[in-house]
Amino acid sequence: AVVDCDWSFTTRLPAHAPSRQALAEA
């Protein structure tokens, strides 16, 4: 009921990858 977000994980997400497997590995 009280939320304090940390979006650092989101900022580290890869914007793109050459394949599905590469995205999963990242």
PDB file of all heavy atoms in Angstrom:
ATOM      1  N   ALA A   1       0.821  -1.201   0.000  1.00  0.00           N
ATOM      2  CA  ALA A   1       0.000   0.000   0.000  1.00  0.00           C
ATOM      3  C   ALA A   1       0.860   1.257   0.000  1.00  0.00           C
ATOM      4  O   ALA A   1       0.360   2.364  -0.196  1.00  0.00           O
ATOM      5  CB  ALA A   1      -0.930   0.003   1.221  1.00  0.00           C
ATOM      6  N   VAL A   2       2.147   1.085   0.250  1.00  0.00           N
ATOM      7  CA  VAL A   2       3.144   2.148   0.096  1.00  0.00           C
ATOM      8  C   VAL A   2       4.204   1.604  -0.843  1.00  0.00           C
ATOM      9  O   VAL A   2       4.793   0.553  -0.575  1.00  0.00           O
ATOM     10  CB  VAL A   2       3.774   2.554   1.436  1.00  0.00           C
ATOM     11  CG1 VAL A   2       4.853   3.611   1.221  1.00  0.00           C
ATOM     12  CG2 VAL A   2       2.711   3.063   2.402  1.00  0.00           C
ATOM     13  N   VAL A   3       4.440   2.282  -1.950  1.00  0.00           N
ATOM     14  CA  VAL A   3       5.341   1.772  -2.985  1.00  0.00           C
ATOM     15  C   VAL A   3       6.480   2.765  -3.222  1.00  0.00           C
ATOM     16  O   VAL A   3       6.247   3.957  -3.414  1.00  0.00           O
ATOM     17  CB  VAL A   3       4.583   1.528  -4.311  1.00  0.00           C
ATOM     18  CG1 VAL A   3       5.517   0.961  -5.365  1.00  0.00           C
ATOM     19  CG2 VAL A   3       3.390   0.599  -4.084  1.00  0.00           C
ATOM     20  N   ASP A   4       7.688   2.248  -3.197  1.00  0.00           N
ATOM     21  CA  ASP A   4       8.881   3.056  -3.453  1.00  0.00           C
ATOM     22  C   ASP A   4       9.675   2.368  -4.553  1.00  0.00           C
ATOM     23  O   ASP A   4      10.455   1.453  -4.293  1.00  0.00           O
ATOM     24  CB  ASP A   4       9.714   3.180  -2.179  1.00  0.00           C
ATOM     25  CG  ASP A   4      10.932   4.071  -2.357  1.00  0.00           C
ATOM     26  OD1 ASP A   4      10.989   4.788  -3.384  1.00  0.00           O
ATOM     27  OD2 ASP A   4      11.820   4.048  -1.491  1.00  0.00           O
ATOM     28  N   CYS A   5       9.457   2.768  -5.777  1.00  0.00           N
ATOM     29  CA  CYS A   5      10.030   2.072  -6.935  1.00  0.00           C
ATOM     30  C   CYS A   5      11.520   2.337  -7.110  1.00  0.00           C
ATOM     31  O   CYS A   5      12.010   3.429  -6.838  1.00  0.00           O
ATOM     32  CB  CYS A   5       9.311   2.494  -8.219  1.00  0.00           C
ATOM     33  SG  CYS A   5       7.613   1.940  -8.323  1.00  0.00           S
ATOM     34  N   ASP A   6      12.197   1.324  -7.611  1.00  0.00           N
ATOM     35  CA  ASP A   6      13.590   1.430  -8.040  1.00  0.00           C
ATOM     36  C   ASP A   6      13.622   0.950  -9.489  1.00  0.00           C
ATOM     37  O   ASP A   6      13.389  -0.227  -9.768  1.00  0.00           O
ATOM     38  CB  ASP A   6      14.469   0.551  -7.153  1.00  0.00           C
ATOM     39  CG  ASP A   6      15.926   0.517  -7.597  1.00  0.00           C
ATOM     40  OD1 ASP A   6      16.261   1.174  -8.607  1.00  0.00           O
ATOM     41  OD2 ASP A   6      16.725  -0.188  -6.957  1.00  0.00           O
ATOM     42  N   TRP A   7      13.886   1.852 -10.427  1.00  0.00           N
ATOM     43  CA  TRP A   7      13.841   1.497 -11.845  1.00  0.00           C
ATOM     44  C   TRP A   7      15.233   1.230 -12.421  1.00  0.00           C
ATOM     45  O   TRP A   7      15.414   1.237 -13.634  1.00  0.00           O
ATOM     46  CB  TRP A   7      13.131   2.579 -12.657  1.00  0.00           C
ATOM     47  CG  TRP A   7      13.502   3.975 -12.295  1.00  0.00           C
ATOM     48  CD1 TRP A   7      14.518   4.729 -12.813  1.00  0.00           C
ATOM     49  CD2 TRP A   7      12.842   4.799 -11.324  1.00  0.00           C
ATOM     50  NE1 TRP A   7      14.531   5.965 -12.223  1.00  0.00           N
ATOM     51  CE2 TRP A   7      13.511   6.037 -11.302  1.00  0.00           C
ATOM     52  CE3 TRP A   7      11.744   4.604 -10.474  1.00  0.00           C
ATOM     53  CZ2 TRP A   7      13.128   7.071 -10.456  1.00  0.00           C
ATOM     54  CZ3 TRP A   7      11.360   5.623  -9.634  1.00  0.00           C
ATOM     55  CH2 TRP A   7      12.051   6.852  -9.630  1.00  0.00           C
ATOM     56  N   SER A   8      16.207   0.959 -11.570  1.00  0.00           N
ATOM     57  CA  SER A   8      17.559   0.705 -12.074  1.00  0.00           C
ATOM     58  C   SER A   8      17.606  -0.564 -12.935  1.00  0.00           C
ATOM     59  O   SER A   8      18.368  -0.623 -13.915  1.00  0.00           O
ATOM     60  CB  SER A   8      18.548   0.597 -10.912  1.00  0.00           C
ATOM     61  OG  SER A   8      18.184  -0.439 -10.015  1.00  0.00           O
ATOM     62  N   PHE A   9      16.809  -1.594 -12.569  1.00  0.00           N
ATOM     63  CA  PHE A   9      16.750  -2.801 -13.391  1.00  0.00           C
ATOM     64  C   PHE A   9      16.256  -2.468 -14.794  1.00  0.00           C
ATOM     65  O   PHE A   9      16.767  -2.965 -15.792  1.00  0.00           O
ATOM     66  CB  PHE A   9      15.843  -3.845 -12.732  1.00  0.00           C
ATOM     67  CG  PHE A   9      15.622  -5.091 -13.548  1.00  0.00           C
ATOM     68  CD1 PHE A   9      16.596  -6.066 -13.615  1.00  0.00           C
ATOM     69  CD2 PHE A   9      14.444  -5.287 -14.242  1.00  0.00           C
ATOM     70  CE1 PHE A   9      16.415  -7.225 -14.360  1.00  0.00           C
ATOM     71  CE2 PHE A   9      14.237  -6.433 -14.996  1.00  0.00           C
ATOM     72  CZ  PHE A   9      15.221  -7.409 -15.055  1.00  0.00           C
ATOM     73  N   THR A  10      15.269  -1.591 -14.871  1.00  0.00           N
ATOM     74  CA  THR A  10      14.699  -1.211 -16.165  1.00  0.00           C
ATOM     75  C   THR A  10      15.726  -0.501 -17.030  1.00  0.00           C
ATOM     76  O   THR A  10      15.815  -0.749 -18.242  1.00  0.00           O
ATOM     77  CB  THR A  10      13.481  -0.299 -15.962  1.00  0.00           C
ATOM     78  OG1 THR A  10      12.619  -0.875 -14.975  1.00  0.00           O
ATOM     79  CG2 THR A  10      12.706  -0.122 -17.258  1.00  0.00           C
ATOM     80  N   THR A  11      16.516   0.366 -16.428  1.00  0.00           N
ATOM     81  CA  THR A  11      17.514   1.112 -17.209  1.00  0.00           C
ATOM     82  C   THR A  11      18.597   0.199 -17.770  1.00  0.00           C
ATOM     83  O   THR A  11      19.268   0.565 -18.738  1.00  0.00           O
ATOM     84  CB  THR A  11      18.171   2.207 -16.353  1.00  0.00           C
ATOM     85  OG1 THR A  11      18.894   1.599 -15.263  1.00  0.00           O
ATOM     86  CG2 THR A  11      17.124   3.160 -15.784  1.00  0.00           C
ATOM     87  N   ARG A  12      18.766  -0.984 -17.181  1.00  0.00           N
ATOM     88  CA  ARG A  12      19.793  -1.908 -17.650  1.00  0.00           C
ATOM     89  C   ARG A  12      19.273  -2.905 -18.690  1.00  0.00           C
ATOM     90  O   ARG A  12      20.053  -3.711 -19.217  1.00  0.00           O
ATOM     91  CB  ARG A  12      20.378  -2.687 -16.463  1.00  0.00           C
ATOM     92  CG  ARG A  12      21.103  -1.817 -15.434  1.00  0.00           C
ATOM     93  CD  ARG A  12      21.930  -2.662 -14.482  1.00  0.00           C
ATOM     94  NE  ARG A  12      21.112  -3.621 -13.727  1.00  0.00           N
ATOM     95  CZ  ARG A  12      20.535  -3.339 -12.566  1.00  0.00           C
ATOM     96  NH1 ARG A  12      20.666  -2.122 -12.029  1.00  0.00           N
ATOM     97  NH2 ARG A  12      19.820  -4.262 -11.933  1.00  0.00           N
ATOM     98  N   LEU A  13      17.996  -2.859 -19.003  1.00  0.00           N
ATOM     99  CA  LEU A  13      17.450  -3.784 -19.980  1.00  0.00           C
ATOM    100  C   LEU A  13      18.029  -3.500 -21.367  1.00  0.00           C
ATOM    101  O   LEU A  13      18.175  -2.333 -21.759  1.00  0.00           O
ATOM    102  CB  LEU A  13      15.928  -3.658 -20.044  1.00  0.00           C
ATOM    103  CG  LEU A  13      15.142  -4.188 -18.847  1.00  0.00           C
ATOM    104  CD1 LEU A  13      13.659  -3.845 -19.002  1.00  0.00           C
ATOM    105  CD2 LEU A  13      15.324  -5.692 -18.694  1.00  0.00           C
ATOM    106  N   PRO A  14      18.336  -4.532 -22.146  1.00  0.00           N
ATOM    107  CA  PRO A  14      18.839  -4.309 -23.507  1.00  0.00           C
ATOM    108  C   PRO A  14      17.725  -3.764 -24.402  1.00  0.00           C
ATOM    109  O   PRO A  14      16.609  -4.292 -24.402  1.00  0.00           O
ATOM    110  CB  PRO A  14      19.265  -5.715 -23.957  1.00  0.00           C
ATOM    111  CG  PRO A  14      18.432  -6.649 -23.129  1.00  0.00           C
ATOM    112  CD  PRO A  14      18.259  -5.969 -21.796  1.00  0.00           C
ATOM    113  N   ALA A  15      18.009  -2.727 -25.137  1.00  0.00           N
ATOM    114  CA  ALA A  15      17.002  -2.123 -26.012  1.00  0.00           C
ATOM    115  C   ALA A  15      16.683  -3.030 -27.192  1.00  0.00           C
ATOM    116  O   ALA A  15      15.573  -3.014 -27.721  1.00  0.00           O
ATOM    117  CB  ALA A  15      17.469  -0.766 -26.502  1.00  0.00           C
ATOM    118  N   HIS A  16      17.650  -3.833 -27.599  1.00  0.00           N
ATOM    119  CA  HIS A  16      17.445  -4.740 -28.728  1.00  0.00           C
ATOM    120  C   HIS A  16      18.499  -5.835 -28.673  1.00  0.00           C
ATOM    121  O   HIS A  16      19.517  -5.724 -27.972  1.00  0.00           O
ATOM    122  CB  HIS A  16      17.532  -3.996 -30.064  1.00  0.00           C
ATOM    123  CG  HIS A  16      18.789  -3.212 -30.247  1.00  0.00           C
ATOM    124  ND1 HIS A  16      19.970  -3.792 -30.665  1.00  0.00           N
ATOM    125  CD2 HIS A  16      19.073  -1.904 -30.027  1.00  0.00           C
ATOM    126  CE1 HIS A  16      20.920  -2.868 -30.722  1.00  0.00           C
ATOM    127  NE2 HIS A  16      20.408  -1.714 -30.343  1.00  0.00           N
ATOM    128  N   ALA A  17      18.264  -6.906 -29.424  1.00  0.00           N
ATOM    129  CA  ALA A  17      19.199  -8.020 -29.509  1.00  0.00           C
ATOM    130  C   ALA A  17      19.052  -8.654 -30.889  1.00  0.00           C
ATOM    131  O   ALA A  17      17.978  -8.585 -31.492  1.00  0.00           O
ATOM    132  CB  ALA A  17      18.917  -9.046 -28.413  1.00  0.00           C
ATOM    133  N   PRO A  18      20.088  -9.296 -31.410  1.00  0.00           N
ATOM    134  CA  PRO A  18      20.009  -9.857 -32.767  1.00  0.00           C
ATOM    135  C   PRO A  18      19.114 -11.076 -32.881  1.00  0.00           C
ATOM    136  O   PRO A  18      18.673 -11.429 -33.978  1.00  0.00           O
ATOM    137  CB  PRO A  18      21.469 -10.209 -33.085  1.00  0.00           C
ATOM    138  CG  PRO A  18      22.115 -10.392 -31.746  1.00  0.00           C
ATOM    139  CD  PRO A  18      21.444  -9.404 -30.847  1.00  0.00           C
ATOM    140  N   SER A  19      18.821 -11.750 -31.765  1.00  0.00           N
ATOM    141  CA  SER A  19      17.991 -12.947 -31.803  1.00  0.00           C
ATOM    142  C   SER A  19      17.272 -13.122 -30.470  1.00  0.00           C
ATOM    143  O   SER A  19      17.628 -12.483 -29.464  1.00  0.00           O
ATOM    144  CB  SER A  19      18.840 -14.185 -32.080  1.00  0.00           C
ATOM    145  OG  SER A  19      19.719 -14.437 -30.997  1.00  0.00           O
ATOM    146  N   ARG A  20      16.288 -13.998 -30.467  1.00  0.00           N
ATOM    147  CA  ARG A  20      15.577 -14.296 -29.224  1.00  0.00           C
ATOM    148  C   ARG A  20      16.535 -14.883 -28.185  1.00  0.00           C
ATOM    149  O   ARG A  20      16.484 -14.524 -27.007  1.00  0.00           O
ATOM    150  CB  ARG A  20      14.426 -15.268 -29.500  1.00  0.00           C
ATOM    151  CG  ARG A  20      13.608 -15.614 -28.266  1.00  0.00           C
ATOM    152  CD  ARG A  20      12.551 -16.670 -28.569  1.00  0.00           C
ATOM    153  NE  ARG A  20      11.782 -16.974 -27.374  1.00  0.00           N
ATOM    154  CZ  ARG A  20      10.657 -16.384 -27.024  1.00  0.00           C
ATOM    155  NH1 ARG A  20      10.140 -15.449 -27.803  1.00  0.00           N
ATOM    156  NH2 ARG A  20      10.028 -16.716 -25.912  1.00  0.00           N
ATOM    157  N   GLN A  21      17.384 -15.774 -28.647  1.00  0.00           N
ATOM    158  CA  GLN A  21      18.338 -16.398 -27.743  1.00  0.00           C
ATOM    159  C   GLN A  21      19.284 -15.355 -27.141  1.00  0.00           C
ATOM    160  O   GLN A  21      19.590 -15.394 -25.944  1.00  0.00           O
ATOM    161  CB  GLN A  21      19.143 -17.469 -28.463  1.00  0.00           C
ATOM    162  CG  GLN A  21      20.145 -18.184 -27.560  1.00  0.00           C
ATOM    163  CD  GLN A  21      20.908 -19.287 -28.285  1.00  0.00           C
ATOM    164  OE1 GLN A  21      20.566 -19.652 -29.403  1.00  0.00           O
ATOM    165  NE2 GLN A  21      21.945 -19.815 -27.648  1.00  0.00           N
ATOM    166  N   ALA A  22      19.732 -14.422 -27.970  1.00  0.00           N
ATOM    167  CA  ALA A  22      20.634 -13.384 -27.473  1.00  0.00           C
ATOM    168  C   ALA A  22      19.937 -12.497 -26.450  1.00  0.00           C
ATOM    169  O   ALA A  22      20.546 -12.081 -25.460  1.00  0.00           O
ATOM    170  CB  ALA A  22      21.142 -12.541 -28.638  1.00  0.00           C
ATOM    171  N   LEU A  23      18.666 -12.227 -26.672  1.00  0.00           N
ATOM    172  CA  LEU A  23      17.904 -11.415 -25.721  1.00  0.00           C
ATOM    173  C   LEU A  23      17.779 -12.150 -24.395  1.00  0.00           C
ATOM    174  O   LEU A  23      17.971 -11.561 -23.325  1.00  0.00           O
ATOM    175  CB  LEU A  23      16.526 -11.103 -26.295  1.00  0.00           C
ATOM    176  CG  LEU A  23      15.614 -10.187 -25.459  1.00  0.00           C
ATOM    177  CD1 LEU A  23      16.284  -8.841 -25.196  1.00  0.00           C
ATOM    178  CD2 LEU A  23      14.275  -9.979 -26.165  1.00  0.00           C
ATOM    179  N   ALA A  24      17.462 -13.436 -24.467  1.00  0.00           N
ATOM    180  CA  ALA A  24      17.338 -14.236 -23.248  1.00  0.00           C
ATOM    181  C   ALA A  24      18.670 -14.309 -22.507  1.00  0.00           C
ATOM    182  O   ALA A  24      18.719 -14.201 -21.269  1.00  0.00           O
ATOM    183  CB  ALA A  24      16.835 -15.630 -23.592  1.00  0.00           C
ATOM    184  N   GLU A  25      19.749 -14.486 -23.245  1.00  0.00           N
ATOM    185  CA  GLU A  25      21.070 -14.570 -22.625  1.00  0.00           C
ATOM    186  C   GLU A  25      21.450 -13.251 -21.958  1.00  0.00           C
ATOM    187  O   GLU A  25      22.085 -13.242 -20.892  1.00  0.00           O
ATOM    188  CB  GLU A  25      22.106 -14.972 -23.659  1.00  0.00           C
ATOM    189  CG  GLU A  25      21.971 -16.418 -24.123  1.00  0.00           C
ATOM    190  CD  GLU A  25      22.939 -16.774 -25.238  1.00  0.00           C
ATOM    191  OE1 GLU A  25      23.604 -15.841 -25.760  1.00  0.00           O
ATOM    192  OE2 GLU A  25      23.030 -17.963 -25.605  1.00  0.00           O
ATOM    193  N   ALA A  26      21.067 -12.146 -22.566  1.00  0.00           N
ATOM    194  CA  ALA A  26      21.375 -10.835 -21.986  1.00  0.00           C
ATOM    195  C   ALA A  26      20.639 -10.622 -20.665  1.00  0.00           C
ATOM    196  O   ALA A  26      21.144  -9.944 -19.767  1.00  0.00           O
ATOM    197  CB  ALA A  26      21.012  -9.731 -22.971  1.00  0.00           C
TER     198      ALA A  26
END
